[in-house]
Amino acid sequence: NAKKTKKTKLQKMDGLGPFEIKKIREAVRQVWHRSLARRLVVQRCTGFDGYFFCELCEARTPQLKVDHIEKVGDVDEGFVLRMFVPSAKLQGLCKKCHDQKTKEERA
């Protein structure tokens, strides 16, 4: 049973619209994904056995989510500066803790 993903069409505008903002966010995230700060968090959260550990609940996890401690927010003038922070302002979380933090931020 394949999962169905709900895709919403973003209206293209002449200038900076929702479609362009989405593309900018995706492009900046791709660059950030290869950043030194993110790699340092992954290194910091890697145990001797090769598993990661969550910096919040301290559980071992096969997959690590690198999370900004302070919410990055919308694509605006300060977006890039909020995205590219030092590793001390990032944390490695398990999926459960990351999902819970994201849910609380969106509420």
PDB file of N, CA and C in Angstrom:
ATOM      1  N   ASN A   1       0.844  -1.183   0.000  1.00  0.00           N
ATOM      2  CA  ASN A   1       0.000   0.000   0.000  1.00  0.00           C
ATOM      3  C   ASN A   1       0.888   1.244   0.000  1.00  0.00           C
ATOM      4  N   ALA A   2       0.998   1.882  -1.122  1.00  0.00           N
ATOM      5  CA  ALA A   2       1.876   3.052  -1.249  1.00  0.00           C
ATOM      6  C   ALA A   2       1.256   4.257  -0.548  1.00  0.00           C
ATOM      7  N   LYS A   3       2.114   5.022   0.094  1.00  0.00           N
ATOM      8  CA  LYS A   3       1.644   6.229   0.764  1.00  0.00           C
ATOM      9  C   LYS A   3       1.338   7.288  -0.290  1.00  0.00           C
ATOM     10  N   LYS A   4       0.206   7.943  -0.109  1.00  0.00           N
ATOM     11  CA  LYS A   4      -0.158   9.028  -1.012  1.00  0.00           C
ATOM     12  C   LYS A   4       0.250  10.335  -0.363  1.00  0.00           C
ATOM     13  N   THR A   5       0.986  11.122  -1.098  1.00  0.00           N
ATOM     14  CA  THR A   5       1.399  12.420  -0.572  1.00  0.00           C
ATOM     15  C   THR A   5       0.512  13.489  -1.171  1.00  0.00           C
ATOM     16  N   LYS A   6       0.053  14.361  -0.324  1.00  0.00           N
ATOM     17  CA  LYS A   6      -0.805  15.451  -0.775  1.00  0.00           C
ATOM     18  C   LYS A   6       0.093  16.605  -1.217  1.00  0.00           C
ATOM     19  N   LYS A   7       0.024  16.905  -2.478  1.00  0.00           N
ATOM     20  CA  LYS A   7       0.822  18.001  -3.011  1.00  0.00           C
ATOM     21  C   LYS A   7      -0.100  19.176  -3.289  1.00  0.00           C
ATOM     22  N   THR A   8       0.286  20.305  -2.767  1.00  0.00           N
ATOM     23  CA  THR A   8      -0.483  21.506  -3.053  1.00  0.00           C
ATOM     24  C   THR A   8       0.261  22.295  -4.116  1.00  0.00           C
ATOM     25  N   LYS A   9      -0.487  22.748  -5.103  1.00  0.00           N
ATOM     26  CA  LYS A   9       0.141  23.539  -6.160  1.00  0.00           C
ATOM     27  C   LYS A   9       0.343  24.951  -5.664  1.00  0.00           C
ATOM     28  N   LEU A  10       1.566  25.416  -5.776  1.00  0.00           N
ATOM     29  CA  LEU A  10       1.881  26.783  -5.406  1.00  0.00           C
ATOM     30  C   LEU A  10       1.732  27.657  -6.643  1.00  0.00           C
ATOM     31  N   GLN A  11       1.002  28.698  -6.482  1.00  0.00           N
ATOM     32  CA  GLN A  11       0.762  29.600  -7.604  1.00  0.00           C
ATOM     33  C   GLN A  11       2.034  30.355  -7.966  1.00  0.00           C
ATOM     34  N   LYS A  12       2.364  30.320  -9.238  1.00  0.00           N
ATOM     35  CA  LYS A  12       3.525  31.066  -9.704  1.00  0.00           C
ATOM     36  C   LYS A  12       3.123  32.517  -9.909  1.00  0.00           C
ATOM     37  N   MET A  13       3.998  33.404  -9.482  1.00  0.00           N
ATOM     38  CA  MET A  13       3.734  34.833  -9.590  1.00  0.00           C
ATOM     39  C   MET A  13       4.861  35.500 -10.342  1.00  0.00           C
ATOM     40  N   ASP A  14       4.591  36.678 -10.831  1.00  0.00           N
ATOM     41  CA  ASP A  14       5.616  37.485 -11.461  1.00  0.00           C
ATOM     42  C   ASP A  14       6.382  38.166 -10.327  1.00  0.00           C
ATOM     43  N   GLY A  15       7.564  37.664 -10.018  1.00  0.00           N
ATOM     44  CA  GLY A  15       8.328  38.181  -8.889  1.00  0.00           C
ATOM     45  C   GLY A  15       8.493  37.087  -7.841  1.00  0.00           C
ATOM     46  N   LEU A  16       8.592  37.495  -6.601  1.00  0.00           N
ATOM     47  CA  LEU A  16       8.819  36.555  -5.501  1.00  0.00           C
ATOM     48  C   LEU A  16       7.483  36.110  -4.914  1.00  0.00           C
ATOM     49  N   GLY A  17       7.080  34.924  -5.270  1.00  0.00           N
ATOM     50  CA  GLY A  17       5.829  34.356  -4.774  1.00  0.00           C
ATOM     51  C   GLY A  17       6.090  33.092  -3.971  1.00  0.00           C
ATOM     52  N   PRO A  18       5.032  32.392  -3.571  1.00  0.00           N
ATOM     53  CA  PRO A  18       5.166  31.167  -2.765  1.00  0.00           C
ATOM     54  C   PRO A  18       6.012  30.090  -3.430  1.00  0.00           C
ATOM     55  N   PHE A  19       5.899  29.951  -4.750  1.00  0.00           N
ATOM     56  CA  PHE A  19       6.681  28.944  -5.470  1.00  0.00           C
ATOM     57  C   PHE A  19       8.178  29.243  -5.358  1.00  0.00           C
ATOM     58  N   GLU A  20       8.535  30.499  -5.585  1.00  0.00           N
ATOM     59  CA  GLU A  20       9.953  30.900  -5.520  1.00  0.00           C
ATOM     60  C   GLU A  20      10.493  30.786  -4.097  1.00  0.00           C
ATOM     61  N   ILE A  21       9.684  31.161  -3.120  1.00  0.00           N
ATOM     62  CA  ILE A  21      10.102  31.049  -1.716  1.00  0.00           C
ATOM     63  C   ILE A  21      10.375  29.597  -1.352  1.00  0.00           C
ATOM     64  N   LYS A  22       9.519  28.692  -1.812  1.00  0.00           N
ATOM     65  CA  LYS A  22       9.714  27.255  -1.556  1.00  0.00           C
ATOM     66  C   LYS A  22      11.034  26.779  -2.173  1.00  0.00           C
ATOM     67  N   LYS A  23      11.299  27.208  -3.401  1.00  0.00           N
ATOM     68  CA  LYS A  23      12.533  26.802  -4.082  1.00  0.00           C
ATOM     69  C   LYS A  23      13.769  27.373  -3.400  1.00  0.00           C
ATOM     70  N   ILE A  24      13.695  28.616  -2.934  1.00  0.00           N
ATOM     71  CA  ILE A  24      14.816  29.229  -2.211  1.00  0.00           C
ATOM     72  C   ILE A  24      15.099  28.455  -0.931  1.00  0.00           C
ATOM     73  N   ARG A  25      14.042  28.121  -0.167  1.00  0.00           N
ATOM     74  CA  ARG A  25      14.198  27.352   1.071  1.00  0.00           C
ATOM     75  C   ARG A  25      14.886  26.022   0.789  1.00  0.00           C
ATOM     76  N   GLU A  26      14.435  25.319  -0.244  1.00  0.00           N
ATOM     77  CA  GLU A  26      15.011  24.017  -0.590  1.00  0.00           C
ATOM     78  C   GLU A  26      16.495  24.148  -0.964  1.00  0.00           C
ATOM     79  N   ALA A  27      16.831  25.161  -1.747  1.00  0.00           N
ATOM     80  CA  ALA A  27      18.217  25.353  -2.188  1.00  0.00           C
ATOM     81  C   ALA A  27      19.137  25.682  -1.014  1.00  0.00           C
ATOM     82  N   VAL A  28      18.694  26.562  -0.124  1.00  0.00           N
ATOM     83  CA  VAL A  28      19.510  26.934   1.037  1.00  0.00           C
ATOM     84  C   VAL A  28      19.687  25.726   1.950  1.00  0.00           C
ATOM     85  N   ARG A  29      18.639  24.935   2.135  1.00  0.00           N
ATOM     86  CA  ARG A  29      18.738  23.729   2.970  1.00  0.00           C
ATOM     87  C   ARG A  29      19.742  22.735   2.394  1.00  0.00           C
ATOM     88  N   GLN A  30      19.781  22.602   1.069  1.00  0.00           N
ATOM     89  CA  GLN A  30      20.748  21.691   0.442  1.00  0.00           C
ATOM     90  C   GLN A  30      22.176  22.129   0.743  1.00  0.00           C
ATOM     91  N   VAL A  31      22.442  23.412   0.667  1.00  0.00           N
ATOM     92  CA  VAL A  31      23.780  23.929   0.977  1.00  0.00           C
ATOM     93  C   VAL A  31      24.074  23.717   2.459  1.00  0.00           C
ATOM     94  N   TRP A  32      23.111  24.029   3.327  1.00  0.00           N
ATOM     95  CA  TRP A  32      23.290  23.872   4.774  1.00  0.00           C
ATOM     96  C   TRP A  32      23.558  22.417   5.140  1.00  0.00           C
ATOM     97  N   HIS A  33      22.932  21.500   4.419  1.00  0.00           N
ATOM     98  CA  HIS A  33      23.090  20.072   4.709  1.00  0.00           C
ATOM     99  C   HIS A  33      24.555  19.632   4.602  1.00  0.00           C
ATOM    100  N   ARG A  34      25.340  20.354   3.811  1.00  0.00           N
ATOM    101  CA  ARG A  34      26.765  20.031   3.648  1.00  0.00           C
ATOM    102  C   ARG A  34      27.671  20.959   4.457  1.00  0.00           C
ATOM    103  N   SER A  35      27.091  21.736   5.361  1.00  0.00           N
ATOM    104  CA  SER A  35      27.877  22.717   6.112  1.00  0.00           C
ATOM    105  C   SER A  35      28.752  22.061   7.188  1.00  0.00           C
ATOM    106  N   LEU A  36      29.802  22.759   7.557  1.00  0.00           N
ATOM    107  CA  LEU A  36      30.703  22.283   8.609  1.00  0.00           C
ATOM    108  C   LEU A  36      29.965  22.168   9.941  1.00  0.00           C
ATOM    109  N   ALA A  37      29.136  23.140  10.271  1.00  0.00           N
ATOM    110  CA  ALA A  37      28.418  23.111  11.553  1.00  0.00           C
ATOM    111  C   ALA A  37      27.563  21.852  11.661  1.00  0.00           C
ATOM    112  N   ARG A  38      26.863  21.491  10.606  1.00  0.00           N
ATOM    113  CA  ARG A  38      26.021  20.292  10.627  1.00  0.00           C
ATOM    114  C   ARG A  38      26.884  19.037  10.775  1.00  0.00           C
ATOM    115  N   ARG A  39      27.995  18.996  10.050  1.00  0.00           N
ATOM    116  CA  ARG A  39      28.900  17.835  10.153  1.00  0.00           C
ATOM    117  C   ARG A  39      29.461  17.696  11.563  1.00  0.00           C
ATOM    118  N   LEU A  40      29.754  18.827  12.224  1.00  0.00           N
ATOM    119  CA  LEU A  40      30.272  18.775  13.595  1.00  0.00           C
ATOM    120  C   LEU A  40      29.233  18.204  14.565  1.00  0.00           C
ATOM    121  N   VAL A  41      27.970  18.518  14.347  1.00  0.00           N
ATOM    122  CA  VAL A  41      26.911  17.960  15.202  1.00  0.00           C
ATOM    123  C   VAL A  41      26.805  16.453  14.987  1.00  0.00           C
ATOM    124  N   VAL A  42      26.850  16.033  13.740  1.00  0.00           N
ATOM    125  CA  VAL A  42      26.806  14.588  13.441  1.00  0.00           C
ATOM    126  C   VAL A  42      27.989  13.888  14.104  1.00  0.00           C
ATOM    127  N   GLN A  43      29.155  14.483  14.017  1.00  0.00           N
ATOM    128  CA  GLN A  43      30.351  13.911  14.646  1.00  0.00           C
ATOM    129  C   GLN A  43      30.196  13.866  16.165  1.00  0.00           C
ATOM    130  N   ARG A  44      29.667  14.932  16.734  1.00  0.00           N
ATOM    131  CA  ARG A  44      29.475  15.032  18.185  1.00  0.00           C
ATOM    132  C   ARG A  44      28.485  13.974  18.691  1.00  0.00           C
ATOM    133  N   CYS A  45      27.524  13.603  17.866  1.00  0.00           N
ATOM    134  CA  CYS A  45      26.465  12.675  18.282  1.00  0.00           C
ATOM    135  C   CYS A  45      26.708  11.238  17.840  1.00  0.00           C
ATOM    136  N   THR A  46      27.880  10.956  17.309  1.00  0.00           N
ATOM    137  CA  THR A  46      28.192   9.597  16.870  1.00  0.00           C
ATOM    138  C   THR A  46      28.918   8.865  17.986  1.00  0.00           C
ATOM    139  N   GLY A  47      28.348   7.725  18.374  1.00  0.00           N
ATOM    140  CA  GLY A  47      28.951   6.915  19.429  1.00  0.00           C
ATOM    141  C   GLY A  47      30.044   6.014  18.880  1.00  0.00           C
ATOM    142  N   PHE A  48      30.743   5.354  19.774  1.00  0.00           N
ATOM    143  CA  PHE A  48      31.834   4.455  19.371  1.00  0.00           C
ATOM    144  C   PHE A  48      31.331   3.274  18.558  1.00  0.00           C
ATOM    145  N   ASP A  49      30.065   2.887  18.763  1.00  0.00           N
ATOM    146  CA  ASP A  49      29.494   1.749  18.052  1.00  0.00           C
ATOM    147  C   ASP A  49      28.932   2.125  16.682  1.00  0.00           C
ATOM    148  N   GLY A  50      29.068   3.391  16.284  1.00  0.00           N
ATOM    149  CA  GLY A  50      28.575   3.816  14.978  1.00  0.00           C
ATOM    150  C   GLY A  50      27.152   4.333  14.992  1.00  0.00           C
ATOM    151  N   TYR A  51      26.442   4.112  16.097  1.00  0.00           N
ATOM    152  CA  TYR A  51      25.083   4.638  16.226  1.00  0.00           C
ATOM    153  C   TYR A  51      25.160   6.088  16.694  1.00  0.00           C
ATOM    154  N   PHE A  52      24.093   6.808  16.417  1.00  0.00           N
ATOM    155  CA  PHE A  52      23.978   8.176  16.907  1.00  0.00           C
ATOM    156  C   PHE A  52      23.273   8.156  18.252  1.00  0.00           C
ATOM    157  N   PHE A  53      23.388   9.241  18.994  1.00  0.00           N
ATOM    158  CA  PHE A  53      22.596   9.385  20.205  1.00  0.00           C
ATOM    159  C   PHE A  53      21.922  10.741  20.182  1.00  0.00           C
ATOM    160  N   CYS A  54      20.717  10.765  20.719  1.00  0.00           N
ATOM    161  CA  CYS A  54      19.912  11.980  20.785  1.00  0.00           C
ATOM    162  C   CYS A  54      20.416  12.842  21.933  1.00  0.00           C
ATOM    163  N   GLU A  55      20.651  14.118  21.666  1.00  0.00           N
ATOM    164  CA  GLU A  55      21.150  15.012  22.708  1.00  0.00           C
ATOM    165  C   GLU A  55      20.050  15.443  23.679  1.00  0.00           C
ATOM    166  N   LEU A  56      18.791  15.110  23.366  1.00  0.00           N
ATOM    167  CA  LEU A  56      17.696  15.477  24.254  1.00  0.00           C
ATOM    168  C   LEU A  56      17.335  14.319  25.194  1.00  0.00           C
ATOM    169  N   CYS A  57      17.010  13.168  24.619  1.00  0.00           N
ATOM    170  CA  CYS A  57      16.615  12.025  25.458  1.00  0.00           C
ATOM    171  C   CYS A  57      17.761  11.038  25.677  1.00  0.00           C
ATOM    172  N   GLU A  58      18.884  11.234  24.998  1.00  0.00           N
ATOM    173  CA  GLU A  58      20.097  10.418  25.107  1.00  0.00           C
ATOM    174  C   GLU A  58      19.935   8.975  24.621  1.00  0.00           C
ATOM    175  N   ALA A  59      18.870   8.718  23.855  1.00  0.00           N
ATOM    176  CA  ALA A  59      18.645   7.376  23.314  1.00  0.00           C
ATOM    177  C   ALA A  59      19.541   7.141  22.103  1.00  0.00           C
ATOM    178  N   ARG A  60      19.907   5.879  21.886  1.00  0.00           N
ATOM    179  CA  ARG A  60      20.628   5.503  20.672  1.00  0.00           C
ATOM    180  C   ARG A  60      19.641   5.522  19.512  1.00  0.00           C
ATOM    181  N   THR A  61      20.087   5.979  18.365  1.00  0.00           N
ATOM    182  CA  THR A  61      19.198   6.041  17.204  1.00  0.00           C
ATOM    183  C   THR A  61      19.996   5.778  15.932  1.00  0.00           C
ATOM    184  N   PRO A  62      19.422   5.023  14.990  1.00  0.00           N
ATOM    185  CA  PRO A  62      20.141   4.763  13.742  1.00  0.00           C
ATOM    186  C   PRO A  62      20.150   5.965  12.805  1.00  0.00           C
ATOM    187  N   GLN A  63      19.234   6.909  13.043  1.00  0.00           N
ATOM    188  CA  GLN A  63      19.131   8.092  12.183  1.00  0.00           C
ATOM    189  C   GLN A  63      19.113   9.340  13.045  1.00  0.00           C
ATOM    190  N   LEU A  64      19.859  10.346  12.648  1.00  0.00           N
ATOM    191  CA  LEU A  64      19.969  11.579  13.421  1.00  0.00           C
ATOM    192  C   LEU A  64      19.357  12.729  12.645  1.00  0.00           C
ATOM    193  N   LYS A  65      18.581  13.548  13.315  1.00  0.00           N
ATOM    194  CA  LYS A  65      18.017  14.765  12.742  1.00  0.00           C
ATOM    195  C   LYS A  65      18.778  15.936  13.358  1.00  0.00           C
ATOM    196  N   VAL A  66      19.468  16.715  12.536  1.00  0.00           N
ATOM    197  CA  VAL A  66      20.182  17.886  13.044  1.00  0.00           C
ATOM    198  C   VAL A  66      19.185  19.041  13.048  1.00  0.00           C
ATOM    199  N   ASP A  67      18.984  19.610  14.227  1.00  0.00           N
ATOM    200  CA  ASP A  67      17.920  20.579  14.452  1.00  0.00           C
ATOM    201  C   ASP A  67      18.493  21.899  14.950  1.00  0.00           C
ATOM    202  N   HIS A  68      17.907  22.990  14.476  1.00  0.00           N
ATOM    203  CA  HIS A  68      18.256  24.316  14.982  1.00  0.00           C
ATOM    204  C   HIS A  68      17.573  24.506  16.335  1.00  0.00           C
ATOM    205  N   ILE A  69      18.309  24.875  17.351  1.00  0.00           N
ATOM    206  CA  ILE A  69      17.734  25.084  18.678  1.00  0.00           C
ATOM    207  C   ILE A  69      16.714  26.216  18.617  1.00  0.00           C
ATOM    208  N   GLU A  70      17.073  27.302  17.946  1.00  0.00           N
ATOM    209  CA  GLU A  70      16.131  28.399  17.726  1.00  0.00           C
ATOM    210  C   GLU A  70      15.527  28.234  16.339  1.00  0.00           C
ATOM    211  N   LYS A  71      14.235  28.415  16.243  1.00  0.00           N
ATOM    212  CA  LYS A  71      13.495  28.234  15.000  1.00  0.00           C
ATOM    213  C   LYS A  71      14.058  29.136  13.896  1.00  0.00           C
ATOM    214  N   VAL A  72      14.242  28.573  12.712  1.00  0.00           N
ATOM    215  CA  VAL A  72      14.766  29.317  11.575  1.00  0.00           C
ATOM    216  C   VAL A  72      13.702  30.259  11.012  1.00  0.00           C
ATOM    217  N   GLY A  73      12.483  29.774  10.879  1.00  0.00           N
ATOM    218  CA  GLY A  73      11.374  30.624  10.447  1.00  0.00           C
ATOM    219  C   GLY A  73      11.282  30.820   8.951  1.00  0.00           C
ATOM    220  N   ASP A  74      10.641  31.905   8.580  1.00  0.00           N
ATOM    221  CA  ASP A  74      10.319  32.198   7.184  1.00  0.00           C
ATOM    222  C   ASP A  74      11.531  32.673   6.392  1.00  0.00           C
ATOM    223  N   VAL A  75      11.393  32.535   5.070  1.00  0.00           N
ATOM    224  CA  VAL A  75      12.412  33.056   4.162  1.00  0.00           C
ATOM    225  C   VAL A  75      12.225  34.567   4.106  1.00  0.00           C
ATOM    226  N   ASP A  76      13.159  35.282   4.718  1.00  0.00           N
ATOM    227  CA  ASP A  76      13.150  36.739   4.724  1.00  0.00           C
ATOM    228  C   ASP A  76      14.601  37.209   4.735  1.00  0.00           C
ATOM    229  N   GLU A  77      14.820  38.453   5.077  1.00  0.00           N
ATOM    230  CA  GLU A  77      16.181  39.005   5.043  1.00  0.00           C
ATOM    231  C   GLU A  77      17.163  38.258   5.955  1.00  0.00           C
ATOM    232  N   GLY A  78      16.712  37.759   7.096  1.00  0.00           N
ATOM    233  CA  GLY A  78      17.603  37.100   8.041  1.00  0.00           C
ATOM    234  C   GLY A  78      17.632  35.591   7.946  1.00  0.00           C
ATOM    235  N   PHE A  79      16.951  35.026   6.950  1.00  0.00           N
ATOM    236  CA  PHE A  79      16.819  33.571   6.834  1.00  0.00           C
ATOM    237  C   PHE A  79      18.169  32.865   6.755  1.00  0.00           C
ATOM    238  N   VAL A  80      19.047  33.332   5.884  1.00  0.00           N
ATOM    239  CA  VAL A  80      20.351  32.673   5.697  1.00  0.00           C
ATOM    240  C   VAL A  80      21.172  32.748   6.982  1.00  0.00           C
ATOM    241  N   LEU A  81      21.145  33.881   7.663  1.00  0.00           N
ATOM    242  CA  LEU A  81      21.898  34.016   8.922  1.00  0.00           C
ATOM    243  C   LEU A  81      21.339  33.110  10.013  1.00  0.00           C
ATOM    244  N   ARG A  82      20.035  32.929  10.056  1.00  0.00           N
ATOM    245  CA  ARG A  82      19.433  32.030  11.055  1.00  0.00           C
ATOM    246  C   ARG A  82      19.699  30.571  10.701  1.00  0.00           C
ATOM    247  N   MET A  83      19.868  30.290   9.417  1.00  0.00           N
ATOM    248  CA  MET A  83      20.102  28.925   8.954  1.00  0.00           C
ATOM    249  C   MET A  83      21.543  28.486   9.226  1.00  0.00           C
ATOM    250  N   PHE A  84      22.498  29.374   8.946  1.00  0.00           N
ATOM    251  CA  PHE A  84      23.912  29.023   9.070  1.00  0.00           C
ATOM    252  C   PHE A  84      24.459  29.529  10.400  1.00  0.00           C
ATOM    253  N   VAL A  85      24.146  28.795  11.452  1.00  0.00           N
ATOM    254  CA  VAL A  85      24.588  29.137  12.803  1.00  0.00           C
ATOM    255  C   VAL A  85      25.737  28.211  13.197  1.00  0.00           C
ATOM    256  N   PRO A  86      26.492  28.567  14.230  1.00  0.00           N
ATOM    257  CA  PRO A  86      27.552  27.675  14.722  1.00  0.00           C
ATOM    258  C   PRO A  86      26.958  26.363  15.257  1.00  0.00           C
ATOM    259  N   SER A  87      27.770  25.337  15.318  1.00  0.00           N
ATOM    260  CA  SER A  87      27.300  24.017  15.763  1.00  0.00           C
ATOM    261  C   SER A  87      26.754  24.041  17.188  1.00  0.00           C
ATOM    262  N   ALA A  88      27.181  24.999  18.004  1.00  0.00           N
ATOM    263  CA  ALA A  88      26.670  25.106  19.377  1.00  0.00           C
ATOM    264  C   ALA A  88      25.190  25.494  19.396  1.00  0.00           C
ATOM    265  N   LYS A  89      24.686  26.026  18.286  1.00  0.00           N
ATOM    266  CA  LYS A  89      23.277  26.405  18.213  1.00  0.00           C
ATOM    267  C   LYS A  89      22.454  25.372  17.460  1.00  0.00           C
ATOM    268  N   LEU A  90      23.037  24.188  17.278  1.00  0.00           N
ATOM    269  CA  LEU A  90      22.366  23.059  16.645  1.00  0.00           C
ATOM    270  C   LEU A  90      22.375  21.893  17.618  1.00  0.00           C
ATOM    271  N   GLN A  91      21.431  20.975  17.428  1.00  0.00           N
ATOM    272  CA  GLN A  91      21.397  19.785  18.272  1.00  0.00           C
ATOM    273  C   GLN A  91      21.037  18.570  17.435  1.00  0.00           C
ATOM    274  N   GLY A  92      21.566  17.428  17.840  1.00  0.00           N
ATOM    275  CA  GLY A  92      21.248  16.173  17.188  1.00  0.00           C
ATOM    276  C   GLY A  92      20.117  15.497  17.936  1.00  0.00           C
ATOM    277  N   LEU A  93      19.029  15.196  17.219  1.00  0.00           N
ATOM    278  CA  LEU A  93      17.853  14.612  17.854  1.00  0.00           C
ATOM    279  C   LEU A  93      17.438  13.324  17.152  1.00  0.00           C
ATOM    280  N   CYS A  94      16.819  12.430  17.912  1.00  0.00           N
ATOM    281  CA  CYS A  94      16.191  11.262  17.319  1.00  0.00           C
ATOM    282  C   CYS A  94      14.897  11.725  16.643  1.00  0.00           C
ATOM    283  N   LYS A  95      14.314  10.881  15.819  1.00  0.00           N
ATOM    284  CA  LYS A  95      13.108  11.265  15.091  1.00  0.00           C
ATOM    285  C   LYS A  95      11.970  11.628  16.043  1.00  0.00           C
ATOM    286  N   LYS A  96      11.810  10.873  17.106  1.00  0.00           N
ATOM    287  CA  LYS A  96      10.725  11.125  18.052  1.00  0.00           C
ATOM    288  C   LYS A  96      10.851  12.517  18.688  1.00  0.00           C
ATOM    289  N   CYS A  97      12.033  12.854  19.178  1.00  0.00           N
ATOM    290  CA  CYS A  97      12.247  14.168  19.805  1.00  0.00           C
ATOM    291  C   CYS A  97      12.124  15.296  18.782  1.00  0.00           C
ATOM    292  N   HIS A  98      12.639  15.065  17.568  1.00  0.00           N
ATOM    293  CA  HIS A  98      12.555  16.090  16.522  1.00  0.00           C
ATOM    294  C   HIS A  98      11.099  16.343  16.132  1.00  0.00           C
ATOM    295  N   ASP A  99      10.334  15.274  15.956  1.00  0.00           N
ATOM    296  CA  ASP A  99       8.921  15.430  15.598  1.00  0.00           C
ATOM    297  C   ASP A  99       8.156  16.169  16.685  1.00  0.00           C
ATOM    298  N   GLN A 100       8.453  15.848  17.954  1.00  0.00           N
ATOM    299  CA  GLN A 100       7.773  16.511  19.071  1.00  0.00           C
ATOM    300  C   GLN A 100       8.126  18.002  19.113  1.00  0.00           C
ATOM    301  N   LYS A 101       9.405  18.332  18.932  1.00  0.00           N
ATOM    302  CA  LYS A 101       9.837  19.742  18.954  1.00  0.00           C
ATOM    303  C   LYS A 101       9.190  20.508  17.803  1.00  0.00           C
ATOM    304  N   THR A 102       9.155  19.909  16.613  1.00  0.00           N
ATOM    305  CA  THR A 102       8.540  20.553  15.460  1.00  0.00           C
ATOM    306  C   THR A 102       7.044  20.780  15.689  1.00  0.00           C
ATOM    307  N   LYS A 103       6.385  19.802  16.265  1.00  0.00           N
ATOM    308  CA  LYS A 103       4.949  19.929  16.559  1.00  0.00           C
ATOM    309  C   LYS A 103       4.682  21.079  17.530  1.00  0.00           C
ATOM    310  N   GLU A 104       5.509  21.191  18.557  1.00  0.00           N
ATOM    311  CA  GLU A 104       5.352  22.263  19.541  1.00  0.00           C
ATOM    312  C   GLU A 104       5.618  23.638  18.922  1.00  0.00           C
ATOM    313  N   GLU A 105       6.617  23.709  18.035  1.00  0.00           N
ATOM    314  CA  GLU A 105       6.924  24.988  17.376  1.00  0.00           C
ATOM    315  C   GLU A 105       5.810  25.443  16.456  1.00  0.00           C
ATOM    316  N   ARG A 106       5.145  24.492  15.816  1.00  0.00           N
ATOM    317  CA  ARG A 106       4.079  24.840  14.873  1.00  0.00           C
ATOM    318  C   ARG A 106       2.750  25.144  15.560  1.00  0.00           C
ATOM    319  N   ALA A 107       2.636  24.748  16.824  1.00  0.00           N
ATOM    320  CA  ALA A 107       1.364  24.974  17.562  1.00  0.00           C
ATOM    321  C   ALA A 107       1.203  26.418  17.977  1.00  0.00           C
TER     322      ALA A 107
END
